Amino acid sequence: MLVLSRKKGESIVIQNDIEITVLSVEADTVKLGISAPKTIDIYRKEIFEAIQQNNLGAAIDVNQLQKLMDNLSD
């Protein structure tokens, strides 16, 4: 993990078109502003993990699907 120190109002740039700016720091909360192309998905980590879990739950095992289809045709 790359670790950088930034002060309020300072930014970092990722791949020329994503800019993350520190807007404020209060107690243990940092407010970030993110400028990125609309094609880039940006999620809070807990939301991203929930989406991944949901996608795994929805995924179909191809072998199980084939067995179900074989059983239906018998």
Foldseek 3Di string as FASTA:
>chain_A
DDDDDDDAQDWDDDPNFWIKGFPDDDDPDTDIDIGHPPVDDDDDVVVVVVVVVVVVVVDDDPVVVVVVVVVVVD
